[in-house]
N, C-alpha and C. Protein backbone atom coordinates (compact mmCIF):
# COMPACT_ATOMS: atom_id res chain seq x y z
N MET A 1 187.37 27.37 -67.91
CA MET A 1 187.89 26.33 -68.25
C MET A 1 189.53 26.86 -68.59
N LYS A 2 189.29 27.50 -69.39
CA LYS A 2 191.01 28.00 -70.28
C LYS A 2 191.82 28.19 -69.11
N LYS A 3 191.73 29.00 -68.08
CA LYS A 3 192.04 29.24 -67.03
C LYS A 3 192.56 28.27 -66.52
N ASN A 4 191.69 27.23 -65.85
CA ASN A 4 192.40 26.04 -65.31
C ASN A 4 193.15 25.19 -66.30
N LEU A 5 192.92 25.01 -67.36
CA LEU A 5 193.58 24.42 -68.37
C LEU A 5 195.26 24.97 -68.68
N LEU A 6 195.03 26.08 -68.30
CA LEU A 6 196.48 26.93 -68.54
C LEU A 6 197.04 26.47 -67.07
N LYS A 7 196.63 26.91 -65.65
CA LYS A 7 196.74 26.60 -64.83
C LYS A 7 197.64 24.98 -64.34
N ILE A 8 196.71 23.80 -65.06
CA ILE A 8 197.56 22.81 -65.47
C ILE A 8 198.29 22.83 -66.16
N ILE A 9 198.37 23.52 -67.26
CA ILE A 9 199.74 23.16 -68.40
C ILE A 9 200.72 23.66 -67.63
N ASP A 10 200.65 25.01 -67.75
CA ASP A 10 201.91 26.21 -66.66
C ASP A 10 202.77 25.45 -65.46
N SER A 11 201.75 24.35 -64.71
CA SER A 11 201.90 24.06 -63.59
C SER A 11 203.69 23.41 -63.77
N GLY A 12 203.96 22.81 -64.85
CA GLY A 12 205.21 22.29 -64.82
C GLY A 12 206.26 22.96 -65.65
N TYR A 13 206.02 24.40 -66.03
CA TYR A 13 206.94 24.99 -66.94
C TYR A 13 208.27 25.49 -66.13
N PHE A 14 208.07 26.04 -64.59
CA PHE A 14 209.06 26.19 -63.70
C PHE A 14 210.93 25.54 -64.27
N ILE A 15 210.37 23.84 -64.63
CA ILE A 15 211.17 22.99 -64.94
C ILE A 15 212.11 23.46 -66.34
N PHE A 16 211.48 24.06 -66.87
CA PHE A 16 212.16 24.70 -68.16
C PHE A 16 212.33 25.84 -68.87
N LYS A 17 211.65 26.47 -67.99
CA LYS A 17 211.71 28.32 -67.78
C LYS A 17 212.98 28.68 -68.26
N LYS A 18 214.21 27.69 -68.25
CA LYS A 18 215.23 28.86 -68.38
C LYS A 18 215.66 28.13 -69.79
N ILE A 19 215.05 27.87 -70.64
CA ILE A 19 215.59 26.97 -71.48
C ILE A 19 214.67 27.08 -73.01
N ILE A 20 213.78 27.26 -72.68
CA ILE A 20 212.28 27.52 -73.61
C ILE A 20 211.21 28.68 -73.34
N PRO A 21 210.68 29.33 -74.11
CA PRO A 21 209.60 30.13 -74.01
C PRO A 21 208.30 29.51 -73.32
N ILE A 22 207.62 30.38 -73.15
CA ILE A 22 206.25 30.02 -72.82
C ILE A 22 205.39 29.05 -73.86
N LYS A 23 205.47 29.99 -74.72
CA LYS A 23 204.54 29.64 -75.83
C LYS A 23 205.09 27.81 -76.35
N THR A 24 206.23 28.08 -76.53
CA THR A 24 207.00 26.38 -76.96
C THR A 24 206.50 25.96 -76.24
N TYR A 25 206.98 26.08 -74.67
CA TYR A 25 206.38 24.89 -73.72
C TYR A 25 205.00 24.42 -73.81
N ARG A 26 203.81 24.93 -74.00
CA ARG A 26 202.20 25.16 -74.21
C ARG A 26 201.98 24.61 -75.20
N TYR A 27 202.73 25.16 -76.66
CA TYR A 27 203.11 23.72 -77.51
C TYR A 27 203.14 22.55 -77.16
N ALA A 28 204.55 22.50 -76.69
CA ALA A 28 204.97 20.98 -76.64
C ALA A 28 204.09 20.36 -76.08
N VAL A 29 203.47 21.03 -74.76
CA VAL A 29 202.77 19.93 -73.50
C VAL A 29 201.38 20.21 -74.64
N CYS A 30 200.93 20.70 -75.36
CA CYS A 30 199.13 20.88 -75.79
C CYS A 30 199.84 19.36 -76.93
N GLY A 31 200.88 20.12 -77.80
CA GLY A 31 200.94 18.81 -78.87
C GLY A 31 201.19 17.60 -78.62
N GLY A 32 202.14 17.69 -77.21
CA GLY A 32 202.08 16.39 -76.97
C GLY A 32 200.84 15.52 -76.21
N SER A 33 199.99 15.95 -75.68
CA SER A 33 198.84 15.33 -75.20
C SER A 33 197.92 15.12 -76.57
N ASN A 34 198.01 16.01 -77.52
CA ASN A 34 197.31 15.20 -78.40
C ASN A 34 197.97 14.17 -79.42
N LEU A 35 199.25 14.24 -79.15
CA LEU A 35 200.12 13.16 -79.71
C LEU A 35 199.28 11.56 -79.29
N VAL A 36 199.87 11.98 -77.71
CA VAL A 36 199.81 10.39 -77.13
C VAL A 36 197.71 10.49 -77.19
N LEU A 37 197.00 10.78 -77.35
CA LEU A 37 195.81 10.59 -78.17
C LEU A 37 195.75 10.35 -79.25
N ASP A 38 196.58 10.73 -80.48
CA ASP A 38 196.45 10.19 -82.00
C ASP A 38 196.87 8.99 -81.86
N THR A 39 198.34 8.72 -81.05
CA THR A 39 198.79 7.37 -80.93
C THR A 39 197.75 6.73 -80.27
N THR A 40 197.19 6.62 -79.07
CA THR A 40 196.56 5.82 -78.76
C THR A 40 194.78 5.27 -80.07
N LEU A 41 194.32 6.29 -80.39
CA LEU A 41 193.22 5.91 -81.33
C LEU A 41 193.78 5.36 -82.40
N TYR A 42 195.32 5.71 -82.78
CA TYR A 42 195.16 4.79 -84.09
C TYR A 42 195.46 3.60 -83.82
N PHE A 43 196.19 2.96 -82.67
CA PHE A 43 196.60 1.62 -82.19
C PHE A 43 195.16 1.09 -81.91
N ILE A 44 194.50 1.52 -80.96
CA ILE A 44 193.04 1.04 -80.93
C ILE A 44 192.15 0.87 -82.41
N CYS A 45 192.30 2.11 -82.99
CA CYS A 45 191.63 1.80 -84.61
C CYS A 45 192.21 0.38 -85.26
N PHE A 46 193.89 0.58 -85.82
CA PHE A 46 194.40 -0.51 -86.25
C PHE A 46 193.87 -1.75 -85.70
N HIS A 47 193.85 -2.05 -84.19
CA HIS A 47 194.36 -3.32 -83.81
C HIS A 47 192.67 -3.68 -83.18
N PHE A 48 191.99 -3.26 -83.26
CA PHE A 48 190.67 -3.29 -82.76
C PHE A 48 189.18 -3.15 -83.58
N ILE A 49 189.27 -2.10 -83.83
CA ILE A 49 188.24 -1.53 -84.44
C ILE A 49 188.41 -2.02 -85.88
N LEU A 50 189.40 -2.33 -86.91
CA LEU A 50 189.60 -2.38 -88.01
C LEU A 50 189.95 -3.94 -88.10
N ASN A 51 190.94 -4.03 -86.86
CA ASN A 51 191.19 -5.33 -87.06
C ASN A 51 192.39 -5.57 -87.69
N LYS A 52 193.34 -4.37 -87.98
CA LYS A 52 194.47 -4.92 -89.05
C LYS A 52 194.07 -5.71 -90.38
N GLU A 53 193.10 -5.40 -90.96
CA GLU A 53 192.08 -5.80 -92.27
C GLU A 53 191.79 -4.53 -93.04
N ASN A 54 192.35 -4.48 -94.34
CA ASN A 54 191.72 -3.13 -95.19
C ASN A 54 190.64 -2.95 -94.96
N LEU A 55 189.77 -1.72 -95.48
CA LEU A 55 188.90 -0.88 -95.37
C LEU A 55 188.40 -0.89 -96.94
N ASP A 56 187.30 -1.79 -97.10
CA ASP A 56 186.86 -1.19 -98.41
C ASP A 56 185.97 0.04 -98.76
N LEU A 57 186.18 0.52 -99.24
CA LEU A 57 184.93 1.89 -99.27
C LEU A 57 184.13 1.80 -100.94
N PHE A 58 184.52 0.84 -101.18
CA PHE A 58 183.99 0.42 -102.68
C PHE A 58 184.52 1.33 -104.12
N ILE A 59 184.93 2.28 -103.46
CA ILE A 59 186.20 3.02 -104.92
C ILE A 59 187.22 2.69 -104.44
N VAL A 60 187.63 2.64 -103.28
CA VAL A 60 188.88 2.41 -103.03
C VAL A 60 189.04 1.51 -101.55
N VAL A 61 190.11 0.73 -101.65
CA VAL A 61 190.52 -0.32 -100.28
C VAL A 61 191.52 0.61 -99.95
N LEU A 62 191.13 1.17 -98.87
CA LEU A 62 192.61 1.15 -97.63
C LEU A 62 193.22 0.51 -97.15
N SER A 63 194.51 -0.09 -96.88
CA SER A 63 195.03 -1.03 -95.93
C SER A 63 194.75 -0.03 -94.41
N ALA A 64 194.62 -0.97 -93.55
CA ALA A 64 193.95 -0.91 -92.07
C ALA A 64 195.16 0.38 -91.23
N HIS A 65 196.22 0.20 -91.83
CA HIS A 65 197.58 1.10 -91.19
C HIS A 65 196.65 2.80 -91.89
N ILE A 66 196.58 2.57 -93.03
CA ILE A 66 196.51 4.27 -93.57
C ILE A 66 194.77 4.43 -93.15
N ALA A 67 193.74 3.80 -93.34
CA ALA A 67 192.59 3.57 -92.76
C ALA A 67 192.54 4.79 -91.53
N SER A 68 193.31 3.91 -91.02
CA SER A 68 193.61 4.38 -89.15
C SER A 68 194.26 5.64 -88.99
N LEU A 69 195.14 5.92 -90.22
CA LEU A 69 195.48 6.99 -90.04
C LEU A 69 194.10 8.69 -90.61
N PHE A 70 193.37 7.87 -91.46
CA PHE A 70 192.13 9.15 -91.74
C PHE A 70 191.50 9.01 -90.98
N LEU A 71 190.99 7.80 -90.10
CA LEU A 71 189.95 7.92 -89.31
C LEU A 71 190.70 8.75 -87.77
N VAL A 72 191.63 8.88 -87.63
CA VAL A 72 191.51 9.26 -86.49
C VAL A 72 192.10 10.85 -86.93
N PHE A 73 192.22 11.24 -87.54
CA PHE A 73 192.92 12.78 -88.43
C PHE A 73 191.87 13.92 -87.58
N PRO A 74 190.44 13.51 -87.80
CA PRO A 74 189.70 14.95 -87.93
C PRO A 74 189.37 15.16 -86.23
N ILE A 75 189.53 13.88 -85.51
CA ILE A 75 189.44 13.86 -83.60
C ILE A 75 190.90 14.51 -83.18
N THR A 76 191.29 14.63 -83.72
CA THR A 76 193.21 15.15 -83.41
C THR A 76 193.11 16.36 -83.91
N PHE A 77 192.91 16.62 -85.30
CA PHE A 77 192.66 17.79 -85.91
C PHE A 77 191.79 19.11 -85.07
N LEU A 78 190.56 18.94 -84.72
CA LEU A 78 189.86 19.65 -84.20
C LEU A 78 190.34 19.31 -82.70
N ILE A 79 190.84 18.91 -81.59
CA ILE A 79 191.89 19.27 -80.50
C ILE A 79 192.60 20.25 -80.49
N GLY A 80 193.50 19.69 -81.77
CA GLY A 80 194.45 20.73 -81.53
C GLY A 80 194.13 21.62 -82.25
N PHE A 81 193.40 22.09 -82.95
CA PHE A 81 192.45 23.60 -83.79
C PHE A 81 192.39 24.10 -82.38
N LEU A 82 191.77 23.65 -81.23
CA LEU A 82 190.85 23.98 -80.62
C LEU A 82 191.98 24.57 -79.40
N LEU A 83 193.50 23.77 -78.83
CA LEU A 83 194.40 23.96 -78.03
C LEU A 83 195.22 24.68 -78.61
N ASN A 84 195.38 25.14 -79.79
CA ASN A 84 196.40 25.95 -80.23
C ASN A 84 195.73 27.31 -80.24
N ARG A 85 194.60 27.26 -80.49
CA ARG A 85 193.97 28.74 -80.80
C ARG A 85 193.62 29.09 -79.10
N TYR A 86 193.00 28.88 -78.60
CA TYR A 86 192.95 29.05 -77.23
C TYR A 86 194.07 29.12 -75.81
N ILE A 87 194.50 28.31 -76.00
CA ILE A 87 196.23 27.83 -75.30
C ILE A 87 197.41 28.77 -75.66
N VAL A 88 198.24 28.30 -76.76
CA VAL A 88 199.15 28.29 -77.68
C VAL A 88 199.09 29.42 -78.67
N PHE A 89 198.08 29.67 -78.84
CA PHE A 89 198.42 31.12 -79.16
C PHE A 89 197.56 32.00 -79.38
N PRO A 90 196.87 32.54 -78.30
CA PRO A 90 195.82 33.18 -77.89
C PRO A 90 195.74 34.96 -78.01
N GLU A 91 197.04 35.25 -78.47
CA GLU A 91 197.22 36.58 -79.12
C GLU A 91 196.90 36.69 -80.43
N SER A 92 196.81 35.86 -81.41
CA SER A 92 196.47 36.13 -82.58
C SER A 92 194.74 36.79 -82.27
N LYS A 93 195.09 38.06 -83.57
CA LYS A 93 194.19 38.46 -83.95
C LYS A 93 193.11 38.06 -85.24
N LEU A 94 193.30 37.13 -85.99
CA LEU A 94 193.22 36.90 -86.91
C LEU A 94 191.98 35.73 -86.65
N SER A 95 190.63 35.85 -87.64
CA SER A 95 189.22 35.52 -87.31
C SER A 95 189.84 34.29 -87.15
N MET A 96 188.72 33.39 -86.72
CA MET A 96 188.56 32.30 -85.97
C MET A 96 188.47 31.56 -87.67
N LYS A 97 187.48 32.29 -88.42
CA LYS A 97 187.76 31.42 -89.40
C LYS A 97 188.69 31.22 -90.49
N LYS A 98 189.76 32.14 -90.31
CA LYS A 98 191.04 32.55 -91.19
C LYS A 98 191.72 31.31 -90.53
N GLN A 99 192.07 31.09 -88.75
CA GLN A 99 192.52 30.56 -88.12
C GLN A 99 192.53 29.25 -88.52
N PHE A 100 191.45 28.97 -88.56
CA PHE A 100 190.90 27.84 -89.16
C PHE A 100 191.20 26.78 -90.41
N LEU A 101 191.06 27.71 -91.49
CA LEU A 101 191.26 27.82 -93.03
C LEU A 101 192.98 27.13 -92.81
N ARG A 102 193.77 28.15 -92.51
CA ARG A 102 195.18 27.92 -92.42
C ARG A 102 195.43 26.98 -91.66
N TYR A 103 194.81 26.63 -90.20
CA TYR A 103 195.22 25.06 -89.36
C TYR A 103 194.74 23.92 -90.73
N LEU A 104 193.98 24.20 -91.32
CA LEU A 104 193.52 22.69 -91.98
C LEU A 104 194.13 22.83 -92.99
N THR A 105 194.86 24.28 -93.74
CA THR A 105 196.13 23.83 -94.83
C THR A 105 197.20 23.01 -94.31
N VAL A 106 197.63 23.54 -93.33
CA VAL A 106 198.62 22.75 -92.63
C VAL A 106 198.69 21.40 -92.22
N GLY A 107 197.33 21.58 -91.49
CA GLY A 107 197.11 19.94 -91.04
C GLY A 107 197.10 18.77 -92.67
N VAL A 108 196.21 19.15 -93.91
CA VAL A 108 196.07 18.45 -95.01
C VAL A 108 197.42 18.33 -95.69
N ILE A 109 198.41 19.09 -95.36
CA ILE A 109 200.13 19.12 -95.26
C ILE A 109 200.42 17.97 -94.80
N THR A 110 200.21 18.55 -93.39
CA THR A 110 200.91 17.15 -92.37
C THR A 110 200.59 16.02 -92.84
N LEU A 111 198.92 15.36 -93.43
CA LEU A 111 198.38 14.60 -93.35
C LEU A 111 198.87 13.70 -94.61
N LEU A 112 199.26 14.86 -95.41
CA LEU A 112 200.03 14.06 -96.66
C LEU A 112 201.35 13.87 -96.24
N ILE A 113 202.10 14.12 -95.79
CA ILE A 113 203.76 14.09 -95.16
C ILE A 113 203.33 12.54 -94.51
N SER A 114 202.46 12.35 -93.34
CA SER A 114 202.05 11.43 -92.77
C SER A 114 201.35 10.23 -93.77
N TYR A 115 200.91 10.23 -94.43
CA TYR A 115 200.58 9.49 -95.48
C TYR A 115 201.79 8.87 -96.49
N LEU A 116 202.29 9.88 -96.90
CA LEU A 116 203.59 9.29 -97.58
C LEU A 116 205.07 8.69 -96.93
N SER A 117 204.86 9.31 -95.74
CA SER A 117 205.47 8.56 -94.33
C SER A 117 205.63 6.94 -94.17
N MET A 118 203.98 6.78 -93.99
CA MET A 118 203.74 5.79 -93.34
C MET A 118 203.69 4.66 -94.71
N LYS A 119 203.19 5.18 -95.93
CA LYS A 119 203.38 4.15 -97.18
C LYS A 119 204.68 3.68 -97.48
N LEU A 120 205.88 4.35 -97.34
CA LEU A 120 207.31 4.28 -97.43
C LEU A 120 207.67 3.50 -96.10
N LEU A 121 207.26 3.56 -94.80
CA LEU A 121 208.02 3.29 -93.82
C LEU A 121 207.37 1.74 -93.69
N VAL A 122 205.87 1.43 -94.35
CA VAL A 122 204.96 0.51 -93.70
C VAL A 122 205.04 -0.52 -94.86
N ASP A 123 204.59 -0.05 -96.25
CA ASP A 123 204.69 -0.75 -97.43
C ASP A 123 206.47 -1.34 -98.17
N ILE A 124 206.75 -0.08 -97.80
CA ILE A 124 208.33 -0.44 -98.46
C ILE A 124 209.03 -0.90 -97.88
N PHE A 125 209.10 -0.27 -96.59
CA PHE A 125 210.58 -0.86 -96.00
C PHE A 125 209.80 -2.13 -94.65
N LEU A 126 208.61 -1.85 -95.01
CA LEU A 126 207.52 -3.23 -93.66
C LEU A 126 208.50 -2.81 -92.30
N PHE A 127 207.81 -1.57 -92.20
CA PHE A 127 208.46 -1.23 -90.36
C PHE A 127 206.81 -1.86 -89.84
N TYR A 128 206.49 -1.87 -88.88
CA TYR A 128 205.40 -1.77 -87.98
C TYR A 128 204.93 -0.51 -88.12
N PRO A 129 203.25 -1.01 -88.47
CA PRO A 129 202.31 0.71 -88.41
C PRO A 129 202.44 1.31 -87.14
N THR A 130 202.76 0.75 -85.72
CA THR A 130 202.83 1.81 -85.17
C THR A 130 203.97 2.65 -84.13
N PRO A 131 204.94 2.13 -84.31
CA PRO A 131 206.18 2.64 -84.66
C PRO A 131 206.62 3.40 -85.84
N SER A 132 205.84 2.91 -86.90
CA SER A 132 206.27 4.16 -88.11
C SER A 132 204.90 5.21 -87.85
N ARG A 133 204.36 4.89 -87.29
CA ARG A 133 203.42 5.97 -86.91
C ARG A 133 204.41 7.35 -85.78
N LEU A 134 204.77 6.69 -85.07
CA LEU A 134 205.35 7.68 -84.14
C LEU A 134 206.61 8.43 -84.54
N LEU A 135 207.41 7.61 -85.84
CA LEU A 135 208.26 8.51 -86.15
C LEU A 135 207.88 9.21 -87.69
N THR A 136 206.69 8.86 -88.10
CA THR A 136 206.00 10.04 -88.70
C THR A 136 205.69 11.19 -88.23
N ILE A 137 205.62 11.13 -86.57
CA ILE A 137 204.68 12.10 -85.95
C ILE A 137 205.61 13.41 -85.81
N VAL A 138 207.00 12.40 -85.23
CA VAL A 138 208.31 13.40 -84.98
C VAL A 138 208.69 13.87 -86.28
N ILE A 139 208.59 13.53 -87.53
CA ILE A 139 208.55 14.14 -88.42
C ILE A 139 207.78 15.65 -88.97
N THR A 140 206.50 15.40 -88.65
CA THR A 140 205.95 16.50 -88.69
C THR A 140 205.60 17.34 -87.57
N VAL A 141 206.14 17.02 -86.65
CA VAL A 141 205.82 18.11 -85.49
C VAL A 141 206.58 19.42 -85.44
N LEU A 142 207.93 19.37 -85.96
CA LEU A 142 208.69 20.50 -86.57
C LEU A 142 208.22 21.63 -87.64
N PHE A 143 207.78 20.62 -88.70
CA PHE A 143 206.99 21.39 -89.67
C PHE A 143 205.92 21.88 -89.04
N SER A 144 205.02 21.04 -88.23
CA SER A 144 204.06 22.23 -87.92
C SER A 144 203.89 22.81 -87.04
N TYR A 145 205.00 22.85 -85.63
CA TYR A 145 205.24 24.13 -85.25
C TYR A 145 205.56 25.51 -86.29
N ILE A 146 206.23 25.19 -86.52
CA ILE A 146 206.74 26.79 -87.31
C ILE A 146 205.84 26.75 -88.55
N MET A 147 205.03 26.24 -89.12
CA MET A 147 203.88 26.77 -89.54
C MET A 147 202.48 27.09 -89.12
N GLN A 148 202.52 26.49 -87.79
CA GLN A 148 201.41 27.06 -87.15
C GLN A 148 201.67 28.79 -86.16
N SER A 149 202.85 28.41 -85.96
CA SER A 149 203.22 30.31 -85.08
C SER A 149 203.32 30.97 -86.68
N LYS A 150 204.21 30.65 -87.77
CA LYS A 150 204.26 31.61 -88.48
C LYS A 150 203.24 31.88 -89.87
N PHE A 151 202.03 31.08 -89.76
CA PHE A 151 201.32 31.14 -90.99
C PHE A 151 199.65 30.95 -90.03
N SER A 152 199.40 29.97 -89.54
CA SER A 152 197.96 29.87 -88.69
C SER A 152 197.63 30.75 -87.76
N PHE A 153 198.34 30.73 -87.18
CA PHE A 153 198.03 32.07 -85.82
C PHE A 153 198.87 33.14 -86.07
N LYS A 154 199.50 33.38 -87.26
CA LYS A 154 200.22 34.86 -86.95
C LYS A 154 199.91 36.27 -86.61
N THR A 155 200.71 37.16 -86.04
CA THR A 155 200.15 37.87 -85.46
C THR A 155 201.22 39.02 -85.96
N GLU A 156 200.88 40.38 -85.78
CA GLU A 156 201.87 41.65 -86.14
C GLU A 156 203.09 41.28 -85.22
N LEU A 157 202.49 41.14 -84.18
CA LEU A 157 203.35 41.27 -82.84
C LEU A 157 204.21 40.14 -82.60
N GLN A 158 204.70 39.56 -83.81
CA GLN A 158 205.38 38.23 -83.46
C GLN A 158 206.84 38.75 -83.47
N THR A 159 206.92 39.90 -84.31
CA THR A 159 208.68 40.09 -84.45
C THR A 159 209.53 40.17 -83.43
N ASN A 160 209.38 41.18 -82.37
CA ASN A 160 210.06 41.45 -81.23
C ASN A 160 209.46 41.08 -79.94
N LYS A 161 208.22 40.40 -80.05
CA LYS A 161 207.88 40.60 -78.63
C LYS A 161 207.57 38.56 -77.88
N ARG A 162 207.75 38.96 -76.93
CA ARG A 162 207.09 37.19 -76.53
C ARG A 162 205.98 37.31 -75.80
N ILE A 163 205.53 36.43 -75.55
CA ILE A 163 203.88 36.02 -74.39
C ILE A 163 205.20 35.70 -72.89
N GLU A 164 203.90 36.16 -72.23
CA GLU A 164 204.71 35.24 -70.58
C GLU A 164 203.29 35.53 -70.50
N ASN A 165 202.48 34.62 -69.90
CA ASN A 165 201.17 34.30 -68.79
C ASN A 165 200.30 34.96 -69.72
N ASP A 166 199.58 35.01 -70.92
CA ASP A 166 199.47 35.81 -71.51
C ASP A 166 199.34 36.79 -71.70
N GLU A 167 200.33 37.20 -71.27
CA GLU A 167 200.49 38.76 -71.39
C GLU A 167 201.76 39.20 -72.77
N ILE A 168 201.65 40.46 -73.76
CA ILE A 168 203.16 40.72 -73.98
C ILE A 168 203.93 41.50 -73.85
N ILE A 169 205.20 40.78 -73.67
CA ILE A 169 206.26 41.43 -73.19
C ILE A 169 207.20 42.20 -74.03
N GLU A 170 207.44 43.46 -74.44
CA GLU A 170 208.42 43.56 -75.32
C GLU A 170 209.82 44.35 -74.93
C-alpha cells in the first residue's frame, strides 16, 4: 500500500522537482490532503452534526466552532501521524512510540494555537468559522512542518543529506 501511495503522491513531483525537495513535496501533498479532510470534516461537523449549536458536556459548554475543532482533531491527527511516519519521514529510526508522543506534543501545541486563533477570529473579530479555520491552518502548517521534521521524526542523518525516492543521497 505504501508503494502505491508513494507512486500516486510522487506522480506530480516532476512539476516541483527544481524548486523543492521530495520530502517537502510529500509533506505538502500529505498535509494538503489531510487539510482538505480536516476542513471538510470541520464544515460537516459545524453545520450538520452540531447544527451551529453549542455542545453541552455538562461540565462545560463548547461553542459549535470550538467543539467542531475538538471533534475533528483525533481523526486528522491519526491520519496525519501515519502519513508522516510512513510517507514523509520514513528514514526516521526513532521508535513508533517516541514518534507518536512527539507528534502528539506538536499536535497538542497546534491544537492550542488553533483554539486560541479560533477564539480570537470568531469570538472577538466575529469572522465566519470555516474561513477562520482555514486561516488558522495556514498559521499552524509552517510551525507543524518545522516541528515534525526537526523534532517528531528527527534523524541523525538530517544534517547534510537529502532523501530522494526513499533513498538517502549524500
